Amino acid sequence: MRRLFGKLELRYTRTHFHARLGKFVTVTRYTVVAKDSFTVAVVSVNPVPGKQVSHIHFEGDSYWICLGSGRMREFFKRIK
């Protein structure tokens, strides 16, 4: 399991997020629909699931997003 974690890189611009996992790269357009001091809600359109609402939760120098049904989280180091 350890070999699978810590390899996904996400980079956000004002309108797109870029996901890189090894040589596999995707670029997805998103729109911010809500935000507060600790979270941002974005809507993106993905080819397979269609429109998706995602919440990004910030905690100190890291952030996390829910995966799948929301019962799992993936944590990332926040680099500015």
PDB file of N, CA and C in Angstrom:
ATOM      1  N   MET A   1       0.812  -1.199   0.000  1.00  0.00           N
ATOM      2  CA  MET A   1       0.000   0.000   0.000  1.00  0.00           C
ATOM      3  C   MET A   1       0.858   1.266   0.000  1.00  0.00           C
ATOM      4  N   ARG A   2       1.969   1.241   0.714  1.00  0.00           N
ATOM      5  CA  ARG A   2       2.812   2.434   0.799  1.00  0.00           C
ATOM      6  C   ARG A   2       3.320   2.901  -0.557  1.00  0.00           C
ATOM      7  N   ARG A   3       3.525   1.966  -1.463  1.00  0.00           N
ATOM      8  CA  ARG A   3       4.026   2.330  -2.793  1.00  0.00           C
ATOM      9  C   ARG A   3       3.014   3.173  -3.560  1.00  0.00           C
ATOM     10  N   LEU A   4       1.725   3.057  -3.201  1.00  0.00           N
ATOM     11  CA  LEU A   4       0.673   3.778  -3.914  1.00  0.00           C
ATOM     12  C   LEU A   4       0.500   5.216  -3.440  1.00  0.00           C
ATOM     13  N   PHE A   5       0.851   5.493  -2.200  1.00  0.00           N
ATOM     14  CA  PHE A   5       0.573   6.809  -1.618  1.00  0.00           C
ATOM     15  C   PHE A   5       1.758   7.762  -1.754  1.00  0.00           C
ATOM     16  N   GLY A   6       1.447   9.058  -1.775  1.00  0.00           N
ATOM     17  CA  GLY A   6       2.481  10.082  -1.826  1.00  0.00           C
ATOM     18  C   GLY A   6       3.003  10.377  -3.215  1.00  0.00           C
ATOM     19  N   LYS A   7       2.352   9.888  -4.234  1.00  0.00           N
ATOM     20  CA  LYS A   7       2.837  10.089  -5.600  1.00  0.00           C
ATOM     21  C   LYS A   7       1.983  11.065  -6.413  1.00  0.00           C
ATOM     22  N   LEU A   8       0.734  11.252  -6.026  1.00  0.00           N
ATOM     23  CA  LEU A   8      -0.167  12.136  -6.762  1.00  0.00           C
ATOM     24  C   LEU A   8       0.171  13.589  -6.468  1.00  0.00           C
ATOM     25  N   GLU A   9       0.346  14.387  -7.515  1.00  0.00           N
ATOM     26  CA  GLU A   9       0.593  15.825  -7.387  1.00  0.00           C
ATOM     27  C   GLU A   9      -0.576  16.576  -7.994  1.00  0.00           C
ATOM     28  N   LEU A  10      -1.118  17.534  -7.258  1.00  0.00           N
ATOM     29  CA  LEU A  10      -2.182  18.395  -7.765  1.00  0.00           C
ATOM     30  C   LEU A  10      -1.670  19.825  -7.782  1.00  0.00           C
ATOM     31  N   ARG A  11      -1.939  20.523  -8.876  1.00  0.00           N
ATOM     32  CA  ARG A  11      -1.563  21.931  -8.985  1.00  0.00           C
ATOM     33  C   ARG A  11      -2.794  22.698  -9.455  1.00  0.00           C
ATOM     34  N   TYR A  12      -3.094  23.780  -8.761  1.00  0.00           N
ATOM     35  CA  TYR A  12      -4.273  24.573  -9.069  1.00  0.00           C
ATOM     36  C   TYR A  12      -3.887  25.920  -9.654  1.00  0.00           C
ATOM     37  N   THR A  13      -4.578  26.323 -10.715  1.00  0.00           N
ATOM     38  CA  THR A  13      -4.508  27.688 -11.218  1.00  0.00           C
ATOM     39  C   THR A  13      -5.881  28.298 -10.947  1.00  0.00           C
ATOM     40  N   ARG A  14      -6.136  29.485 -11.428  1.00  0.00           N
ATOM     41  CA  ARG A  14      -7.442  30.117 -11.181  1.00  0.00           C
ATOM     42  C   ARG A  14      -8.608  29.370 -11.829  1.00  0.00           C
ATOM     43  N   THR A  15      -8.353  28.636 -12.908  1.00  0.00           N
ATOM     44  CA  THR A  15      -9.448  28.002 -13.644  1.00  0.00           C
ATOM     45  C   THR A  15      -9.282  26.503 -13.885  1.00  0.00           C
ATOM     46  N   HIS A  16      -8.106  25.946 -13.623  1.00  0.00           N
ATOM     47  CA  HIS A  16      -7.839  24.533 -13.917  1.00  0.00           C
ATOM     48  C   HIS A  16      -7.064  23.881 -12.773  1.00  0.00           C
ATOM     49  N   PHE A  17      -7.247  22.579 -12.633  1.00  0.00           N
ATOM     50  CA  PHE A  17      -6.317  21.855 -11.787  1.00  0.00           C
ATOM     51  C   PHE A  17      -5.641  20.780 -12.615  1.00  0.00           C
ATOM     52  N   HIS A  18      -4.377  20.575 -12.319  1.00  0.00           N
ATOM     53  CA  HIS A  18      -3.526  19.645 -13.043  1.00  0.00           C
ATOM     54  C   HIS A  18      -3.186  18.503 -12.094  1.00  0.00           C
ATOM     55  N   ALA A  19      -3.468  17.287 -12.499  1.00  0.00           N
ATOM     56  CA  ALA A  19      -3.152  16.108 -11.696  1.00  0.00           C
ATOM     57  C   ALA A  19      -2.068  15.316 -12.412  1.00  0.00           C
ATOM     58  N   ARG A  20      -1.035  14.941 -11.665  1.00  0.00           N
ATOM     59  CA  ARG A  20       0.064  14.162 -12.234  1.00  0.00           C
ATOM     60  C   ARG A  20       0.308  12.947 -11.340  1.00  0.00           C
ATOM     61  N   LEU A  21       0.298  11.794 -11.947  1.00  0.00           N
ATOM     62  CA  LEU A  21       0.625  10.546 -11.257  1.00  0.00           C
ATOM     63  C   LEU A  21       1.597   9.807 -12.164  1.00  0.00           C
ATOM     64  N   GLY A  22       2.879   9.952 -11.866  1.00  0.00           N
ATOM     65  CA  GLY A  22       3.916   9.403 -12.748  1.00  0.00           C
ATOM     66  C   GLY A  22       3.888  10.126 -14.081  1.00  0.00           C
ATOM     67  N   LYS A  23       3.722   9.396 -15.165  1.00  0.00           N
ATOM     68  CA  LYS A  23       3.667  10.006 -16.498  1.00  0.00           C
ATOM     69  C   LYS A  23       2.252  10.401 -16.906  1.00  0.00           C
ATOM     70  N   PHE A  24       1.247   9.981 -16.135  1.00  0.00           N
ATOM     71  CA  PHE A  24      -0.150  10.273 -16.445  1.00  0.00           C
ATOM     72  C   PHE A  24      -0.520  11.661 -15.931  1.00  0.00           C
ATOM     73  N   VAL A  25      -0.967  12.545 -16.835  1.00  0.00           N
ATOM     74  CA  VAL A  25      -1.318  13.920 -16.490  1.00  0.00           C
ATOM     75  C   VAL A  25      -2.716  14.228 -17.008  1.00  0.00           C
ATOM     76  N   THR A  26      -3.539  14.845 -16.171  1.00  0.00           N
ATOM     77  CA  THR A  26      -4.844  15.338 -16.617  1.00  0.00           C
ATOM     78  C   THR A  26      -4.976  16.795 -16.223  1.00  0.00           C
ATOM     79  N   VAL A  27      -5.702  17.535 -17.036  1.00  0.00           N
ATOM     80  CA  VAL A  27      -5.997  18.936 -16.762  1.00  0.00           C
ATOM     81  C   VAL A  27      -7.510  19.089 -16.815  1.00  0.00           C
ATOM     82  N   THR A  28      -8.080  19.634 -15.747  1.00  0.00           N
ATOM     83  CA  THR A  28      -9.526  19.758 -15.641  1.00  0.00           C
ATOM     84  C   THR A  28      -9.909  21.181 -15.280  1.00  0.00           C
ATOM     85  N   ARG A  29     -10.870  21.730 -15.994  1.00  0.00           N
ATOM     86  CA  ARG A  29     -11.378  23.071 -15.709  1.00  0.00           C
ATOM     87  C   ARG A  29     -12.316  22.996 -14.508  1.00  0.00           C
ATOM     88  N   TYR A  30     -12.270  24.011 -13.649  1.00  0.00           N
ATOM     89  CA  TYR A  30     -13.174  24.061 -12.506  1.00  0.00           C
ATOM     90  C   TYR A  30     -13.639  25.488 -12.266  1.00  0.00           C
ATOM     91  N   THR A  31     -14.708  25.617 -11.489  1.00  0.00           N
ATOM     92  CA  THR A  31     -15.246  26.915 -11.086  1.00  0.00           C
ATOM     93  C   THR A  31     -15.440  26.891  -9.579  1.00  0.00           C
ATOM     94  N   VAL A  32     -14.979  27.925  -8.897  1.00  0.00           N
ATOM     95  CA  VAL A  32     -15.213  28.041  -7.456  1.00  0.00           C
ATOM     96  C   VAL A  32     -16.653  28.487  -7.259  1.00  0.00           C
ATOM     97  N   VAL A  33     -17.411  27.732  -6.452  1.00  0.00           N
ATOM     98  CA  VAL A  33     -18.812  28.068  -6.217  1.00  0.00           C
ATOM     99  C   VAL A  33     -19.066  28.554  -4.793  1.00  0.00           C
ATOM    100  N   ALA A  34     -18.155  28.261  -3.868  1.00  0.00           N
ATOM    101  CA  ALA A  34     -18.290  28.732  -2.492  1.00  0.00           C
ATOM    102  C   ALA A  34     -16.943  28.607  -1.792  1.00  0.00           C
ATOM    103  N   LYS A  35     -16.741  29.439  -0.771  1.00  0.00           N
ATOM    104  CA  LYS A  35     -15.522  29.334   0.026  1.00  0.00           C
ATOM    105  C   LYS A  35     -15.753  29.991   1.374  1.00  0.00           C
ATOM    106  N   ASP A  36     -14.984  29.538   2.361  1.00  0.00           N
ATOM    107  CA  ASP A  36     -14.957  30.173   3.670  1.00  0.00           C
ATOM    108  C   ASP A  36     -13.512  30.131   4.162  1.00  0.00           C
ATOM    109  N   SER A  37     -13.286  30.325   5.432  1.00  0.00           N
ATOM    110  CA  SER A  37     -11.919  30.397   5.960  1.00  0.00           C
ATOM    111  C   SER A  37     -11.143  29.094   5.839  1.00  0.00           C
ATOM    112  N   PHE A  38     -11.842  27.943   5.792  1.00  0.00           N
ATOM    113  CA  PHE A  38     -11.159  26.660   5.833  1.00  0.00           C
ATOM    114  C   PHE A  38     -11.446  25.739   4.660  1.00  0.00           C
ATOM    115  N   THR A  39     -12.409  26.099   3.793  1.00  0.00           N
ATOM    116  CA  THR A  39     -12.770  25.209   2.691  1.00  0.00           C
ATOM    117  C   THR A  39     -13.054  25.981   1.412  1.00  0.00           C
ATOM    118  N   VAL A  40     -12.957  25.266   0.300  1.00  0.00           N
ATOM    119  CA  VAL A  40     -13.349  25.792  -1.005  1.00  0.00           C
ATOM    120  C   VAL A  40     -14.181  24.705  -1.684  1.00  0.00           C
ATOM    121  N   ALA A  41     -15.308  25.082  -2.265  1.00  0.00           N
ATOM    122  CA  ALA A  41     -16.127  24.152  -3.039  1.00  0.00           C
ATOM    123  C   ALA A  41     -15.981  24.503  -4.510  1.00  0.00           C
ATOM    124  N   VAL A  42     -15.658  23.509  -5.324  1.00  0.00           N
ATOM    125  CA  VAL A  42     -15.474  23.715  -6.757  1.00  0.00           C
ATOM    126  C   VAL A  42     -16.354  22.744  -7.538  1.00  0.00           C
ATOM    127  N   VAL A  43     -16.759  23.173  -8.724  1.00  0.00           N
ATOM    128  CA  VAL A  43     -17.483  22.303  -9.645  1.00  0.00           C
ATOM    129  C   VAL A  43     -16.581  22.072 -10.843  1.00  0.00           C
ATOM    130  N   SER A  44     -16.407  20.795 -11.196  1.00  0.00           N
ATOM    131  CA  SER A  44     -15.608  20.446 -12.369  1.00  0.00           C
ATOM    132  C   SER A  44     -16.421  19.480 -13.226  1.00  0.00           C
ATOM    133  N   VAL A  45     -16.052  19.400 -14.489  1.00  0.00           N
ATOM    134  CA  VAL A  45     -16.712  18.460 -15.399  1.00  0.00           C
ATOM    135  C   VAL A  45     -15.684  17.426 -15.801  1.00  0.00           C
ATOM    136  N   ASN A  46     -15.992  16.182 -15.484  1.00  0.00           N
ATOM    137  CA  ASN A  46     -15.105  15.076 -15.760  1.00  0.00           C
ATOM    138  C   ASN A  46     -15.748  14.195 -16.828  1.00  0.00           C
ATOM    139  N   PRO A  47     -14.990  13.649 -17.765  1.00  0.00           N
ATOM    140  CA  PRO A  47     -15.591  12.863 -18.850  1.00  0.00           C
ATOM    141  C   PRO A  47     -16.420  11.666 -18.375  1.00  0.00           C
ATOM    142  N   VAL A  48     -15.983  10.985 -17.339  1.00  0.00           N
ATOM    143  CA  VAL A  48     -16.687   9.776 -16.907  1.00  0.00           C
ATOM    144  C   VAL A  48     -17.857  10.099 -15.968  1.00  0.00           C
ATOM    145  N   PRO A  49     -17.610  10.720 -14.785  1.00  0.00           N
ATOM    146  CA  PRO A  49     -18.744  10.962 -13.882  1.00  0.00           C
ATOM    147  C   PRO A  49     -19.578  12.183 -14.240  1.00  0.00           C
ATOM    148  N   GLY A  50     -19.085  13.048 -15.106  1.00  0.00           N
ATOM    149  CA  GLY A  50     -19.811  14.275 -15.440  1.00  0.00           C
ATOM    150  C   GLY A  50     -19.490  15.381 -14.451  1.00  0.00           C
ATOM    151  N   LYS A  51     -20.501  16.231 -14.143  1.00  0.00           N
ATOM    152  CA  LYS A  51     -20.289  17.337 -13.215  1.00  0.00           C
ATOM    153  C   LYS A  51     -20.088  16.813 -11.806  1.00  0.00           C
ATOM    154  N   GLN A  52     -19.092  17.384 -11.119  1.00  0.00           N
ATOM    155  CA  GLN A  52     -18.788  16.976  -9.757  1.00  0.00           C
ATOM    156  C   GLN A  52     -18.563  18.203  -8.894  1.00  0.00           C
ATOM    157  N   VAL A  53     -19.062  18.149  -7.664  1.00  0.00           N
ATOM    158  CA  VAL A  53     -18.746  19.163  -6.663  1.00  0.00           C
ATOM    159  C   VAL A  53     -17.701  18.550  -5.751  1.00  0.00           C
ATOM    160  N   SER A  54     -16.601  19.264  -5.546  1.00  0.00           N
ATOM    161  CA  SER A  54     -15.535  18.806  -4.658  1.00  0.00           C
ATOM    162  C   SER A  54     -15.282  19.864  -3.602  1.00  0.00           C
ATOM    163  N   HIS A  55     -14.969  19.402  -2.404  1.00  0.00           N
ATOM    164  CA  HIS A  55     -14.631  20.306  -1.307  1.00  0.00           C
ATOM    165  C   HIS A  55     -13.170  20.100  -0.956  1.00  0.00           C
ATOM    166  N   ILE A  56     -12.439  21.212  -0.882  1.00  0.00           N
ATOM    167  CA  ILE A  56     -11.031  21.178  -0.491  1.00  0.00           C
ATOM    168  C   ILE A  56     -10.979  21.761   0.913  1.00  0.00           C
ATOM    169  N   HIS A  57     -10.439  20.993   1.855  1.00  0.00           N
ATOM    170  CA  HIS A  57     -10.398  21.381   3.266  1.00  0.00           C
ATOM    171  C   HIS A  57      -8.962  21.712   3.647  1.00  0.00           C
ATOM    172  N   PHE A  58      -8.731  22.916   4.156  1.00  0.00           N
ATOM    173  CA  PHE A  58      -7.390  23.364   4.515  1.00  0.00           C
ATOM    174  C   PHE A  58      -7.164  23.242   6.013  1.00  0.00           C
ATOM    175  N   GLU A  59      -5.997  22.691   6.388  1.00  0.00           N
ATOM    176  CA  GLU A  59      -5.592  22.560   7.784  1.00  0.00           C
ATOM    177  C   GLU A  59      -4.104  22.858   7.871  1.00  0.00           C
ATOM    178  N   GLY A  60      -3.759  24.061   8.310  1.00  0.00           N
ATOM    179  CA  GLY A  60      -2.346  24.432   8.413  1.00  0.00           C
ATOM    180  C   GLY A  60      -1.668  24.396   7.065  1.00  0.00           C
ATOM    181  N   ASP A  61      -0.569  23.657   6.973  1.00  0.00           N
ATOM    182  CA  ASP A  61       0.199  23.548   5.730  1.00  0.00           C
ATOM    183  C   ASP A  61      -0.216  22.347   4.888  1.00  0.00           C
ATOM    184  N   SER A  62      -1.399  21.810   5.142  1.00  0.00           N
ATOM    185  CA  SER A  62      -1.872  20.691   4.343  1.00  0.00           C
ATOM    186  C   SER A  62      -3.340  20.903   3.976  1.00  0.00           C
ATOM    187  N   TYR A  63      -3.820  20.085   3.073  1.00  0.00           N
ATOM    188  CA  TYR A  63      -5.235  20.114   2.730  1.00  0.00           C
ATOM    189  C   TYR A  63      -5.666  18.704   2.382  1.00  0.00           C
ATOM    190  N   TRP A  64      -6.966  18.467   2.404  1.00  0.00           N
ATOM    191  CA  TRP A  64      -7.471  17.140   2.075  1.00  0.00           C
ATOM    192  C   TRP A  64      -8.734  17.246   1.251  1.00  0.00           C
ATOM    193  N   ILE A  65      -8.969  16.172   0.488  1.00  0.00           N
ATOM    194  CA  ILE A  65     -10.172  16.049  -0.318  1.00  0.00           C
ATOM    195  C   ILE A  65     -10.770  14.667  -0.055  1.00  0.00           C
ATOM    196  N   CYS A  66     -12.075  14.557  -0.206  1.00  0.00           N
ATOM    197  CA  CYS A  66     -12.749  13.266  -0.062  1.00  0.00           C
ATOM    198  C   CYS A  66     -12.617  12.484  -1.357  1.00  0.00           C
ATOM    199  N   LEU A  67     -12.541  11.182  -1.228  1.00  0.00           N
ATOM    200  CA  LEU A  67     -12.452  10.305  -2.386  1.00  0.00           C
ATOM    201  C   LEU A  67     -13.719   9.472  -2.508  1.00  0.00           C
ATOM    202  N   GLY A  68     -14.140   9.224  -3.720  1.00  0.00           N
ATOM    203  CA  GLY A  68     -15.276   8.342  -3.969  1.00  0.00           C
ATOM    204  C   GLY A  68     -16.530   8.770  -3.247  1.00  0.00           C
ATOM    205  N   SER A  69     -17.053   7.891  -2.403  1.00  0.00           N
ATOM    206  CA  SER A  69     -18.306   8.149  -1.692  1.00  0.00           C
ATOM    207  C   SER A  69     -18.119   9.106  -0.525  1.00  0.00           C
ATOM    208  N   GLY A  70     -16.891   9.512  -0.250  1.00  0.00           N
ATOM    209  CA  GLY A  70     -16.622  10.450   0.837  1.00  0.00           C
ATOM    210  C   GLY A  70     -16.194   9.790   2.129  1.00  0.00           C
ATOM    211  N   ARG A  71     -16.064   8.476   2.114  1.00  0.00           N
ATOM    212  CA  ARG A  71     -15.661   7.782   3.338  1.00  0.00           C
ATOM    213  C   ARG A  71     -14.145   7.693   3.479  1.00  0.00           C
ATOM    214  N   MET A  72     -13.431   8.111   2.454  1.00  0.00           N
ATOM    215  CA  MET A  72     -11.964   8.134   2.514  1.00  0.00           C
ATOM    216  C   MET A  72     -11.482   9.538   2.172  1.00  0.00           C
ATOM    217  N   ARG A  73     -10.353   9.929   2.745  1.00  0.00           N
ATOM    218  CA  ARG A  73      -9.737  11.230   2.473  1.00  0.00           C
ATOM    219  C   ARG A  73      -8.335  11.026   1.943  1.00  0.00           C
ATOM    220  N   GLU A  74      -7.917  11.962   1.091  1.00  0.00           N
ATOM    221  CA  GLU A  74      -6.521  11.976   0.660  1.00  0.00           C
ATOM    222  C   GLU A  74      -5.929  13.307   1.086  1.00  0.00           C
ATOM    223  N   PHE A  75      -4.783  13.257   1.762  1.00  0.00           N
ATOM    224  CA  PHE A  75      -4.128  14.441   2.298  1.00  0.00           C
ATOM    225  C   PHE A  75      -2.964  14.841   1.411  1.00  0.00           C
ATOM    226  N   PHE A  76      -2.744  16.159   1.314  1.00  0.00           N
ATOM    227  CA  PHE A  76      -1.668  16.708   0.492  1.00  0.00           C
ATOM    228  C   PHE A  76      -0.914  17.768   1.279  1.00  0.00           C
ATOM    229  N   LYS A  77       0.379  17.891   1.017  1.00  0.00           N
ATOM    230  CA  LYS A  77       1.146  19.005   1.540  1.00  0.00           C
ATOM    231  C   LYS A  77       0.831  20.215   0.708  1.00  0.00           C
ATOM    232  N   ARG A  78       0.609  21.327   1.352  1.00  0.00           N
ATOM    233  CA  ARG A  78       0.305  22.559   0.645  1.00  0.00           C
ATOM    234  C   ARG A  78       1.585  23.319   0.377  1.00  0.00           C
ATOM    235  N   ILE A  79       1.888  23.566  -0.878  1.00  0.00           N
ATOM    236  CA  ILE A  79       3.084  24.295  -1.283  1.00  0.00           C
ATOM    237  C   ILE A  79       2.633  25.549  -2.013  1.00  0.00           C
ATOM    238  N   LYS A  80       3.090  26.696  -1.567  1.00  0.00           N
ATOM    239  CA  LYS A  80       2.679  27.964  -2.173  1.00  0.00           C
ATOM    240  C   LYS A  80       3.681  28.430  -3.190  1.00  0.00           C
TER     241      LYS A  80
END
